[in-house]
Amino acid sequence: IAGWAIGGLIFGAVGDRIGRAKTLAITVLMYSISTGLSALSN
């Protein structure tokens, strides 16, 4: 949840600066890959 809050603050502003579509693609890729990597935790 803390990461969620930090990500919201960062990417909300980035979305206004570089565009909603570009930033949305970045965030979807980030949460998808990180979720998959969670399965590989040692």
PDB file of all heavy atoms in Angstrom:
ATOM      1  N   ILE A   1       0.836  -1.211   0.000  1.00  0.00           N
ATOM      2  CA  ILE A   1       0.000   0.000   0.000  1.00  0.00           C
ATOM      3  C   ILE A   1       0.867   1.256   0.000  1.00  0.00           C
ATOM      4  O   ILE A   1       0.543   2.253  -0.660  1.00  0.00           O
ATOM      5  CB  ILE A   1      -0.955  -0.009   1.209  1.00  0.00           C
ATOM      6  CG1 ILE A   1      -1.917  -1.196   1.126  1.00  0.00           C
ATOM      7  CG2 ILE A   1      -1.761   1.286   1.261  1.00  0.00           C
ATOM      8  CD1 ILE A   1      -2.794  -1.367   2.351  1.00  0.00           C
ATOM      9  N   ALA A   2       1.986   1.227   0.735  1.00  0.00           N
ATOM     10  CA  ALA A   2       2.893   2.381   0.734  1.00  0.00           C
ATOM     11  C   ALA A   2       3.465   2.604  -0.656  1.00  0.00           C
ATOM     12  O   ALA A   2       3.565   3.749  -1.140  1.00  0.00           O
ATOM     13  CB  ALA A   2       4.015   2.168   1.742  1.00  0.00           C
ATOM     14  N   GLY A   3       3.861   1.523  -1.335  1.00  0.00           N
ATOM     15  CA  GLY A   3       4.343   1.641  -2.709  1.00  0.00           C
ATOM     16  C   GLY A   3       3.259   2.185  -3.614  1.00  0.00           C
ATOM     17  O   GLY A   3       3.522   2.998  -4.519  1.00  0.00           O
ATOM     18  N   TRP A   4       2.027   1.758  -3.383  1.00  0.00           N
ATOM     19  CA  TRP A   4       0.872   2.238  -4.146  1.00  0.00           C
ATOM     20  C   TRP A   4       0.759   3.757  -4.002  1.00  0.00           C
ATOM     21  O   TRP A   4       0.568   4.476  -4.991  1.00  0.00           O
ATOM     22  CB  TRP A   4      -0.358   1.533  -3.601  1.00  0.00           C
ATOM     23  CG  TRP A   4      -1.648   1.747  -4.321  1.00  0.00           C
ATOM     24  CD1 TRP A   4      -2.003   2.809  -5.091  1.00  0.00           C
ATOM     25  CD2 TRP A   4      -2.763   0.854  -4.333  1.00  0.00           C
ATOM     26  NE1 TRP A   4      -3.278   2.652  -5.576  1.00  0.00           N
ATOM     27  CE2 TRP A   4      -3.765   1.458  -5.130  1.00  0.00           C
ATOM     28  CE3 TRP A   4      -3.019  -0.370  -3.743  1.00  0.00           C
ATOM     29  CZ2 TRP A   4      -5.006   0.848  -5.332  1.00  0.00           C
ATOM     30  CZ3 TRP A   4      -4.248  -0.972  -3.958  1.00  0.00           C
ATOM     31  CH2 TRP A   4      -5.226  -0.366  -4.743  1.00  0.00           C
ATOM     32  N   ALA A   5       0.875   4.247  -2.782  1.00  0.00           N
ATOM     33  CA  ALA A   5       0.749   5.687  -2.539  1.00  0.00           C
ATOM     34  C   ALA A   5       1.870   6.461  -3.231  1.00  0.00           C
ATOM     35  O   ALA A   5       1.632   7.491  -3.886  1.00  0.00           O
ATOM     36  CB  ALA A   5       0.769   5.962  -1.043  1.00  0.00           C
ATOM     37  N   ILE A   6       3.094   5.962  -3.120  1.00  0.00           N
ATOM     38  CA  ILE A   6       4.234   6.636  -3.759  1.00  0.00           C
ATOM     39  C   ILE A   6       4.083   6.619  -5.277  1.00  0.00           C
ATOM     40  O   ILE A   6       4.297   7.632  -5.953  1.00  0.00           O
ATOM     41  CB  ILE A   6       5.550   5.949  -3.341  1.00  0.00           C
ATOM     42  CG1 ILE A   6       5.776   6.117  -1.837  1.00  0.00           C
ATOM     43  CG2 ILE A   6       6.729   6.531  -4.115  1.00  0.00           C
ATOM     44  CD1 ILE A   6       6.899   5.251  -1.291  1.00  0.00           C
ATOM     45  N   GLY A   7       3.691   5.468  -5.825  1.00  0.00           N
ATOM     46  CA  GLY A   7       3.504   5.364  -7.270  1.00  0.00           C
ATOM     47  C   GLY A   7       2.417   6.291  -7.777  1.00  0.00           C
ATOM     48  O   GLY A   7       2.542   6.889  -8.856  1.00  0.00           O
ATOM     49  N   GLY A   8       1.346   6.422  -6.995  1.00  0.00           N
ATOM     50  CA  GLY A   8       0.274   7.330  -7.397  1.00  0.00           C
ATOM     51  C   GLY A   8       0.748   8.766  -7.477  1.00  0.00           C
ATOM     52  O   GLY A   8       0.421   9.493  -8.427  1.00  0.00           O
ATOM     53  N   LEU A   9       1.533   9.190  -6.505  1.00  0.00           N
ATOM     54  CA  LEU A   9       2.047  10.564  -6.492  1.00  0.00           C
ATOM     55  C   LEU A   9       3.005  10.800  -7.662  1.00  0.00           C
ATOM     56  O   LEU A   9       2.974  11.854  -8.308  1.00  0.00           O
ATOM     57  CB  LEU A   9       2.761  10.840  -5.170  1.00  0.00           C
ATOM     58  CG  LEU A   9       1.882  10.887  -3.918  1.00  0.00           C
ATOM     59  CD1 LEU A   9       2.739  11.110  -2.679  1.00  0.00           C
ATOM     60  CD2 LEU A   9       0.835  11.983  -4.035  1.00  0.00           C
ATOM     61  N   ILE A  10       3.857   9.828  -7.933  1.00  0.00           N
ATOM     62  CA  ILE A  10       4.848   9.995  -9.007  1.00  0.00           C
ATOM     63  C   ILE A  10       4.186   9.959 -10.380  1.00  0.00           C
ATOM     64  O   ILE A  10       4.325  10.890 -11.185  1.00  0.00           O
ATOM     65  CB  ILE A  10       5.926   8.898  -8.917  1.00  0.00           C
ATOM     66  CG1 ILE A  10       6.759   9.062  -7.647  1.00  0.00           C
ATOM     67  CG2 ILE A  10       6.832   8.937 -10.153  1.00  0.00           C
ATOM     68  CD1 ILE A  10       7.722   7.921  -7.395  1.00  0.00           C
ATOM     69  N   PHE A  11       3.452   8.886 -10.659  1.00  0.00           N
ATOM     70  CA  PHE A  11       2.936   8.687 -12.006  1.00  0.00           C
ATOM     71  C   PHE A  11       1.725   9.570 -12.323  1.00  0.00           C
ATOM     72  O   PHE A  11       1.429   9.818 -13.496  1.00  0.00           O
ATOM     73  CB  PHE A  11       2.605   7.219 -12.230  1.00  0.00           C
ATOM     74  CG  PHE A  11       3.829   6.346 -12.303  1.00  0.00           C
ATOM     75  CD1 PHE A  11       4.099   5.423 -11.308  1.00  0.00           C
ATOM     76  CD2 PHE A  11       4.731   6.483 -13.344  1.00  0.00           C
ATOM     77  CE1 PHE A  11       5.236   4.628 -11.352  1.00  0.00           C
ATOM     78  CE2 PHE A  11       5.872   5.701 -13.407  1.00  0.00           C
ATOM     79  CZ  PHE A  11       6.132   4.767 -12.418  1.00  0.00           C
ATOM     80  N   GLY A  12       1.022  10.036 -11.275  1.00  0.00           N
ATOM     81  CA  GLY A  12      -0.044  11.000 -11.538  1.00  0.00           C
ATOM     82  C   GLY A  12       0.512  12.264 -12.165  1.00  0.00           C
ATOM     83  O   GLY A  12      -0.011  12.779 -13.165  1.00  0.00           O
ATOM     84  N   ALA A  13       1.607  12.771 -11.596  1.00  0.00           N
ATOM     85  CA  ALA A  13       2.249  13.974 -12.137  1.00  0.00           C
ATOM     86  C   ALA A  13       2.902  13.695 -13.484  1.00  0.00           C
ATOM     87  O   ALA A  13       2.819  14.514 -14.410  1.00  0.00           O
ATOM     88  CB  ALA A  13       3.289  14.493 -11.147  1.00  0.00           C
ATOM     89  N   VAL A  14       3.542  12.536 -13.619  1.00  0.00           N
ATOM     90  CA  VAL A  14       4.177  12.175 -14.896  1.00  0.00           C
ATOM     91  C   VAL A  14       3.131  12.100 -16.000  1.00  0.00           C
ATOM     92  O   VAL A  14       3.376  12.528 -17.141  1.00  0.00           O
ATOM     93  CB  VAL A  14       4.929  10.835 -14.762  1.00  0.00           C
ATOM     94  CG1 VAL A  14       5.402  10.335 -16.128  1.00  0.00           C
ATOM     95  CG2 VAL A  14       6.119  10.984 -13.824  1.00  0.00           C
ATOM     96  N   GLY A  15       1.960  11.581 -15.682  1.00  0.00           N
ATOM     97  CA  GLY A  15       0.897  11.482 -16.682  1.00  0.00           C
ATOM     98  C   GLY A  15       0.448  12.826 -17.205  1.00  0.00           C
ATOM     99  O   GLY A  15       0.110  12.962 -18.383  1.00  0.00           O
ATOM    100  N   ASP A  16       0.429  13.831 -16.333  1.00  0.00           N
ATOM    101  CA  ASP A  16       0.074  15.177 -16.795  1.00  0.00           C
ATOM    102  C   ASP A  16       1.203  15.795 -17.616  1.00  0.00           C
ATOM    103  O   ASP A  16       0.961  16.622 -18.495  1.00  0.00           O
ATOM    104  CB  ASP A  16      -0.239  16.081 -15.593  1.00  0.00           C
ATOM    105  CG  ASP A  16      -1.659  15.888 -15.079  1.00  0.00           C
ATOM    106  OD1 ASP A  16      -2.534  15.499 -15.877  1.00  0.00           O
ATOM    107  OD2 ASP A  16      -1.898  16.121 -13.877  1.00  0.00           O
ATOM    108  N   ARG A  17       2.426  15.388 -17.349  1.00  0.00           N
ATOM    109  CA  ARG A  17       3.571  15.999 -18.024  1.00  0.00           C
ATOM    110  C   ARG A  17       3.878  15.369 -19.378  1.00  0.00           C
ATOM    111  O   ARG A  17       4.086  16.077 -20.360  1.00  0.00           O
ATOM    112  CB  ARG A  17       4.809  15.920 -17.131  1.00  0.00           C
ATOM    113  CG  ARG A  17       4.690  16.792 -15.884  1.00  0.00           C
ATOM    114  CD  ARG A  17       5.919  16.668 -15.003  1.00  0.00           C
ATOM    115  NE  ARG A  17       5.750  17.429 -13.768  1.00  0.00           N
ATOM    116  CZ  ARG A  17       6.650  17.489 -12.802  1.00  0.00           C
ATOM    117  NH1 ARG A  17       7.798  16.823 -12.915  1.00  0.00           N
ATOM    118  NH2 ARG A  17       6.416  18.196 -11.711  1.00  0.00           N
ATOM    119  N   ILE A  18       3.921  14.041 -19.454  1.00  0.00           N
ATOM    120  CA  ILE A  18       4.324  13.397 -20.715  1.00  0.00           C
ATOM    121  C   ILE A  18       3.166  12.741 -21.437  1.00  0.00           C
ATOM    122  O   ILE A  18       3.315  12.303 -22.581  1.00  0.00           O
ATOM    123  CB  ILE A  18       5.447  12.366 -20.484  1.00  0.00           C
ATOM    124  CG1 ILE A  18       4.905  11.123 -19.766  1.00  0.00           C
ATOM    125  CG2 ILE A  18       6.606  12.978 -19.715  1.00  0.00           C
ATOM    126  CD1 ILE A  18       5.902   9.976 -19.699  1.00  0.00           C
ATOM    127  N   GLY A  19       2.007  12.634 -20.791  1.00  0.00           N
ATOM    128  CA  GLY A  19       0.840  12.071 -21.449  1.00  0.00           C
ATOM    129  C   GLY A  19       0.244  10.896 -20.689  1.00  0.00           C
ATOM    130  O   GLY A  19       0.959  10.108 -20.077  1.00  0.00           O
ATOM    131  N   ARG A  20      -1.091  10.801 -20.734  1.00  0.00           N
ATOM    132  CA  ARG A  20      -1.784   9.727 -20.020  1.00  0.00           C
ATOM    133  C   ARG A  20      -1.491   8.355 -20.633  1.00  0.00           C
ATOM    134  O   ARG A  20      -1.256   7.374 -19.919  1.00  0.00           O
ATOM    135  CB  ARG A  20      -3.304   9.935 -20.062  1.00  0.00           C
ATOM    136  CG  ARG A  20      -3.843  11.059 -19.184  1.00  0.00           C
ATOM    137  CD  ARG A  20      -3.720  12.421 -19.877  1.00  0.00           C
ATOM    138  NE  ARG A  20      -4.609  13.409 -19.297  1.00  0.00           N
ATOM    139  CZ  ARG A  20      -4.272  14.250 -18.330  1.00  0.00           C
ATOM    140  NH1 ARG A  20      -3.064  14.195 -17.817  1.00  0.00           N
ATOM    141  NH2 ARG A  20      -5.136  15.141 -17.882  1.00  0.00           N
ATOM    142  N   ALA A  21      -1.512   8.266 -21.973  1.00  0.00           N
ATOM    143  CA  ALA A  21      -1.353   6.981 -22.647  1.00  0.00           C
ATOM    144  C   ALA A  21       0.039   6.387 -22.409  1.00  0.00           C
ATOM    145  O   ALA A  21       0.174   5.204 -22.075  1.00  0.00           O
ATOM    146  CB  ALA A  21      -1.608   7.137 -24.142  1.00  0.00           C
ATOM    147  N   LYS A  22       1.076   7.192 -22.587  1.00  0.00           N
ATOM    148  CA  LYS A  22       2.445   6.701 -22.393  1.00  0.00           C
ATOM    149  C   LYS A  22       2.646   6.218 -20.963  1.00  0.00           C
ATOM    150  O   LYS A  22       3.203   5.136 -20.718  1.00  0.00           O
ATOM    151  CB  LYS A  22       3.455   7.811 -22.691  1.00  0.00           C
ATOM    152  CG  LYS A  22       3.482   8.325 -24.114  1.00  0.00           C
ATOM    153  CD  LYS A  22       4.602   9.343 -24.274  1.00  0.00           C
ATOM    154  CE  LYS A  22       4.556  10.012 -25.644  1.00  0.00           C
ATOM    155  NZ  LYS A  22       3.411  10.947 -25.751  1.00  0.00           N
ATOM    156  N   THR A  23       2.204   7.011 -20.018  1.00  0.00           N
ATOM    157  CA  THR A  23       2.430   6.675 -18.614  1.00  0.00           C
ATOM    158  C   THR A  23       1.603   5.470 -18.198  1.00  0.00           C
ATOM    159  O   THR A  23       2.052   4.647 -17.381  1.00  0.00           O
ATOM    160  CB  THR A  23       2.098   7.878 -17.713  1.00  0.00           C
ATOM    161  OG1 THR A  23       2.699   9.053 -18.250  1.00  0.00           O
ATOM    162  CG2 THR A  23       2.601   7.669 -16.306  1.00  0.00           C
ATOM    163  N   LEU A  24       0.400   5.331 -18.751  1.00  0.00           N
ATOM    164  CA  LEU A  24      -0.436   4.172 -18.436  1.00  0.00           C
ATOM    165  C   LEU A  24       0.263   2.890 -18.874  1.00  0.00           C
ATOM    166  O   LEU A  24       0.259   1.887 -18.142  1.00  0.00           O
ATOM    167  CB  LEU A  24      -1.796   4.298 -19.123  1.00  0.00           C
ATOM    168  CG  LEU A  24      -2.848   3.244 -18.746  1.00  0.00           C
ATOM    169  CD1 LEU A  24      -3.192   3.312 -17.273  1.00  0.00           C
ATOM    170  CD2 LEU A  24      -4.108   3.425 -19.592  1.00  0.00           C
ATOM    171  N   ALA A  25       0.884   2.904 -20.045  1.00  0.00           N
ATOM    172  CA  ALA A  25       1.614   1.732 -20.526  1.00  0.00           C
ATOM    173  C   ALA A  25       2.760   1.384 -19.578  1.00  0.00           C
ATOM    174  O   ALA A  25       3.004   0.209 -19.270  1.00  0.00           O
ATOM    175  CB  ALA A  25       2.145   1.987 -21.934  1.00  0.00           C
ATOM    176  N   ILE A  26       3.460   2.390 -19.087  1.00  0.00           N
ATOM    177  CA  ILE A  26       4.585   2.162 -18.167  1.00  0.00           C
ATOM    178  C   ILE A  26       4.103   1.517 -16.876  1.00  0.00           C
ATOM    179  O   ILE A  26       4.697   0.554 -16.380  1.00  0.00           O
ATOM    180  CB  ILE A  26       5.301   3.494 -17.854  1.00  0.00           C
ATOM    181  CG1 ILE A  26       5.989   4.032 -19.111  1.00  0.00           C
ATOM    182  CG2 ILE A  26       6.318   3.312 -16.730  1.00  0.00           C
ATOM    183  CD1 ILE A  26       6.516   5.451 -18.962  1.00  0.00           C
ATOM    184  N   THR A  27       3.009   2.031 -16.320  1.00  0.00           N
ATOM    185  CA  THR A  27       2.528   1.517 -15.030  1.00  0.00           C
ATOM    186  C   THR A  27       1.987   0.095 -15.159  1.00  0.00           C
ATOM    187  O   THR A  27       2.208  -0.736 -14.263  1.00  0.00           O
ATOM    188  CB  THR A  27       1.450   2.440 -14.435  1.00  0.00           C
ATOM    189  OG1 THR A  27       0.390   2.627 -15.389  1.00  0.00           O
ATOM    190  CG2 THR A  27       2.036   3.797 -14.084  1.00  0.00           C
ATOM    191  N   VAL A  28       1.265  -0.197 -16.251  1.00  0.00           N
ATOM    192  CA  VAL A  28       0.748  -1.555 -16.446  1.00  0.00           C
ATOM    193  C   VAL A  28       1.903  -2.541 -16.567  1.00  0.00           C
ATOM    194  O   VAL A  28       1.889  -3.631 -15.972  1.00  0.00           O
ATOM    195  CB  VAL A  28      -0.153  -1.627 -17.695  1.00  0.00           C
ATOM    196  CG1 VAL A  28      -0.530  -3.079 -17.999  1.00  0.00           C
ATOM    197  CG2 VAL A  28      -1.420  -0.814 -17.488  1.00  0.00           C
ATOM    198  N   LEU A  29       2.923  -2.168 -17.329  1.00  0.00           N
ATOM    199  CA  LEU A  29       4.091  -3.031 -17.495  1.00  0.00           C
ATOM    200  C   LEU A  29       4.790  -3.249 -16.150  1.00  0.00           C
ATOM    201  O   LEU A  29       5.211  -4.367 -15.821  1.00  0.00           O
ATOM    202  CB  LEU A  29       5.058  -2.402 -18.497  1.00  0.00           C
ATOM    203  CG  LEU A  29       6.183  -3.298 -19.028  1.00  0.00           C
ATOM    204  CD1 LEU A  29       5.607  -4.490 -19.769  1.00  0.00           C
ATOM    205  CD2 LEU A  29       7.109  -2.494 -19.927  1.00  0.00           C
ATOM    206  N   MET A  30       4.880  -2.191 -15.352  1.00  0.00           N
ATOM    207  CA  MET A  30       5.575  -2.287 -14.061  1.00  0.00           C
ATOM    208  C   MET A  30       4.853  -3.227 -13.108  1.00  0.00           C
ATOM    209  O   MET A  30       5.473  -4.121 -12.500  1.00  0.00           O
ATOM    210  CB  MET A  30       5.712  -0.901 -13.436  1.00  0.00           C
ATOM    211  CG  MET A  30       6.403  -0.917 -12.077  1.00  0.00           C
ATOM    212  SD  MET A  30       6.608   0.730 -11.353  1.00  0.00           S
ATOM    213  CE  MET A  30       7.908   1.371 -12.395  1.00  0.00           C
ATOM    214  N   TYR A  31       3.533  -3.046 -12.946  1.00  0.00           N
ATOM    215  CA  TYR A  31       2.849  -3.894 -11.974  1.00  0.00           C
ATOM    216  C   TYR A  31       2.732  -5.337 -12.462  1.00  0.00           C
ATOM    217  O   TYR A  31       2.733  -6.279 -11.662  1.00  0.00           O
ATOM    218  CB  TYR A  31       1.498  -3.311 -11.534  1.00  0.00           C
ATOM    219  CG  TYR A  31       0.316  -3.432 -12.460  1.00  0.00           C
ATOM    220  CD1 TYR A  31      -0.228  -4.659 -12.821  1.00  0.00           C
ATOM    221  CD2 TYR A  31      -0.333  -2.284 -12.921  1.00  0.00           C
ATOM    222  CE1 TYR A  31      -1.360  -4.751 -13.632  1.00  0.00           C
ATOM    223  CE2 TYR A  31      -1.454  -2.359 -13.724  1.00  0.00           C
ATOM    224  CZ  TYR A  31      -1.961  -3.591 -14.082  1.00  0.00           C
ATOM    225  OH  TYR A  31      -3.069  -3.680 -14.885  1.00  0.00           O
ATOM    226  N   SER A  32       2.658  -5.545 -13.777  1.00  0.00           N
ATOM    227  CA  SER A  32       2.552  -6.902 -14.301  1.00  0.00           C
ATOM    228  C   SER A  32       3.842  -7.685 -14.086  1.00  0.00           C
ATOM    229  O   SER A  32       3.830  -8.815 -13.582  1.00  0.00           O
ATOM    230  CB  SER A  32       2.218  -6.860 -15.798  1.00  0.00           C
ATOM    231  OG  SER A  32       1.013  -6.181 -16.035  1.00  0.00           O
ATOM    232  N   ILE A  33       4.968  -7.101 -14.475  1.00  0.00           N
ATOM    233  CA  ILE A  33       6.254  -7.780 -14.341  1.00  0.00           C
ATOM    234  C   ILE A  33       6.591  -8.022 -12.868  1.00  0.00           C
ATOM    235  O   ILE A  33       7.053  -9.105 -12.487  1.00  0.00           O
ATOM    236  CB  ILE A  33       7.365  -6.969 -15.031  1.00  0.00           C
ATOM    237  CG1 ILE A  33       7.151  -6.979 -16.548  1.00  0.00           C
ATOM    238  CG2 ILE A  33       8.744  -7.530 -14.682  1.00  0.00           C
ATOM    239  CD1 ILE A  33       8.133  -6.127 -17.322  1.00  0.00           C
ATOM    240  N   SER A  34       6.348  -7.041 -12.026  1.00  0.00           N
ATOM    241  CA  SER A  34       6.670  -7.177 -10.605  1.00  0.00           C
ATOM    242  C   SER A  34       5.800  -8.234  -9.935  1.00  0.00           C
ATOM    243  O   SER A  34       6.263  -8.966  -9.048  1.00  0.00           O
ATOM    244  CB  SER A  34       6.507  -5.833  -9.894  1.00  0.00           C
ATOM    245  OG  SER A  34       7.379  -4.869 -10.433  1.00  0.00           O
ATOM    246  N   THR A  35       4.543  -8.341 -10.357  1.00  0.00           N
ATOM    247  CA  THR A  35       3.675  -9.391  -9.825  1.00  0.00           C
ATOM    248  C   THR A  35       4.203 -10.758 -10.227  1.00  0.00           C
ATOM    249  O   THR A  35       4.251 -11.689  -9.407  1.00  0.00           O
ATOM    250  CB  THR A  35       2.232  -9.210 -10.329  1.00  0.00           C
ATOM    251  OG1 THR A  35       1.710  -7.976  -9.836  1.00  0.00           O
ATOM    252  CG2 THR A  35       1.338 -10.349  -9.847  1.00  0.00           C
ATOM    253  N   GLY A  36       4.614 -10.896 -11.492  1.00  0.00           N
ATOM    254  CA  GLY A  36       5.187 -12.157 -11.944  1.00  0.00           C
ATOM    255  C   GLY A  36       6.459 -12.508 -11.194  1.00  0.00           C
ATOM    256  O   GLY A  36       6.684 -13.665 -10.809  1.00  0.00           O
ATOM    257  N   LEU A  37       7.306 -11.517 -10.963  1.00  0.00           N
ATOM    258  CA  LEU A  37       8.557 -11.753 -10.230  1.00  0.00           C
ATOM    259  C   LEU A  37       8.305 -12.164  -8.784  1.00  0.00           C
ATOM    260  O   LEU A  37       9.130 -12.854  -8.177  1.00  0.00           O
ATOM    261  CB  LEU A  37       9.429 -10.498 -10.269  1.00  0.00           C
ATOM    262  CG  LEU A  37      10.063 -10.164 -11.625  1.00  0.00           C
ATOM    263  CD1 LEU A  37      10.765  -8.812 -11.576  1.00  0.00           C
ATOM    264  CD2 LEU A  37      11.046 -11.250 -12.047  1.00  0.00           C
ATOM    265  N   SER A  38       7.165 -11.743  -8.222  1.00  0.00           N
ATOM    266  CA  SER A  38       6.827 -12.141  -6.854  1.00  0.00           C
ATOM    267  C   SER A  38       6.782 -13.659  -6.725  1.00  0.00           C
ATOM    268  O   SER A  38       7.123 -14.218  -5.672  1.00  0.00           O
ATOM    269  CB  SER A  38       5.477 -11.545  -6.446  1.00  0.00           C
ATOM    270  OG  SER A  38       5.513 -10.131  -6.439  1.00  0.00           O
ATOM    271  N   ALA A  39       6.371 -14.334  -7.792  1.00  0.00           N
ATOM    272  CA  ALA A  39       6.294 -15.792  -7.771  1.00  0.00           C
ATOM    273  C   ALA A  39       7.676 -16.432  -7.705  1.00  0.00           C
ATOM    274  O   ALA A  39       7.805 -17.607  -7.322  1.00  0.00           O
ATOM    275  CB  ALA A  39       5.560 -16.294  -9.006  1.00  0.00           C
ATOM    276  N   LEU A  40       8.707 -15.679  -8.079  1.00  0.00           N
ATOM    277  CA  LEU A  40      10.067 -16.211  -8.113  1.00  0.00           C
ATOM    278  C   LEU A  40      10.867 -15.839  -6.866  1.00  0.00           C
ATOM    279  O   LEU A  40      12.073 -16.087  -6.812  1.00  0.00           O
ATOM    280  CB  LEU A  40      10.788 -15.703  -9.363  1.00  0.00           C
ATOM    281  CG  LEU A  40      10.069 -15.949 -10.703  1.00  0.00           C
ATOM    282  CD1 LEU A  40      10.884 -15.384 -11.850  1.00  0.00           C
ATOM    283  CD2 LEU A  40       9.791 -17.438 -10.907  1.00  0.00           C
ATOM    284  N   SER A  41      10.208 -15.252  -5.884  1.00  0.00           N
ATOM    285  CA  SER A  41      10.901 -14.829  -4.664  1.00  0.00           C
ATOM    286  C   SER A  41      11.569 -16.018  -3.972  1.00  0.00           C
ATOM    287  O   SER A  41      10.976 -17.091  -3.830  1.00  0.00           O
ATOM    288  CB  SER A  41       9.907 -14.180  -3.694  1.00  0.00           C
ATOM    289  OG  SER A  41       9.281 -13.066  -4.279  1.00  0.00           O
ATOM    290  N   ASN A  42      12.799 -15.802  -3.522  1.00  0.00           N
ATOM    291  CA  ASN A  42      13.542 -16.846  -2.811  1.00  0.00           C
ATOM    292  C   ASN A  42      13.444 -16.703  -1.298  1.00  0.00           C
ATOM    293  O   ASN A  42      13.740 -17.647  -0.561  1.00  0.00           O
ATOM    294  CB  ASN A  42      15.017 -16.806  -3.216  1.00  0.00           C
ATOM    295  CG  ASN A  42      15.216 -17.178  -4.677  1.00  0.00           C
ATOM    296  OD1 ASN A  42      14.733 -18.213  -5.121  1.00  0.00           O
ATOM    297  ND2 ASN A  42      15.911 -16.326  -5.422  1.00  0.00           N
TER     298      ASN A  42
END
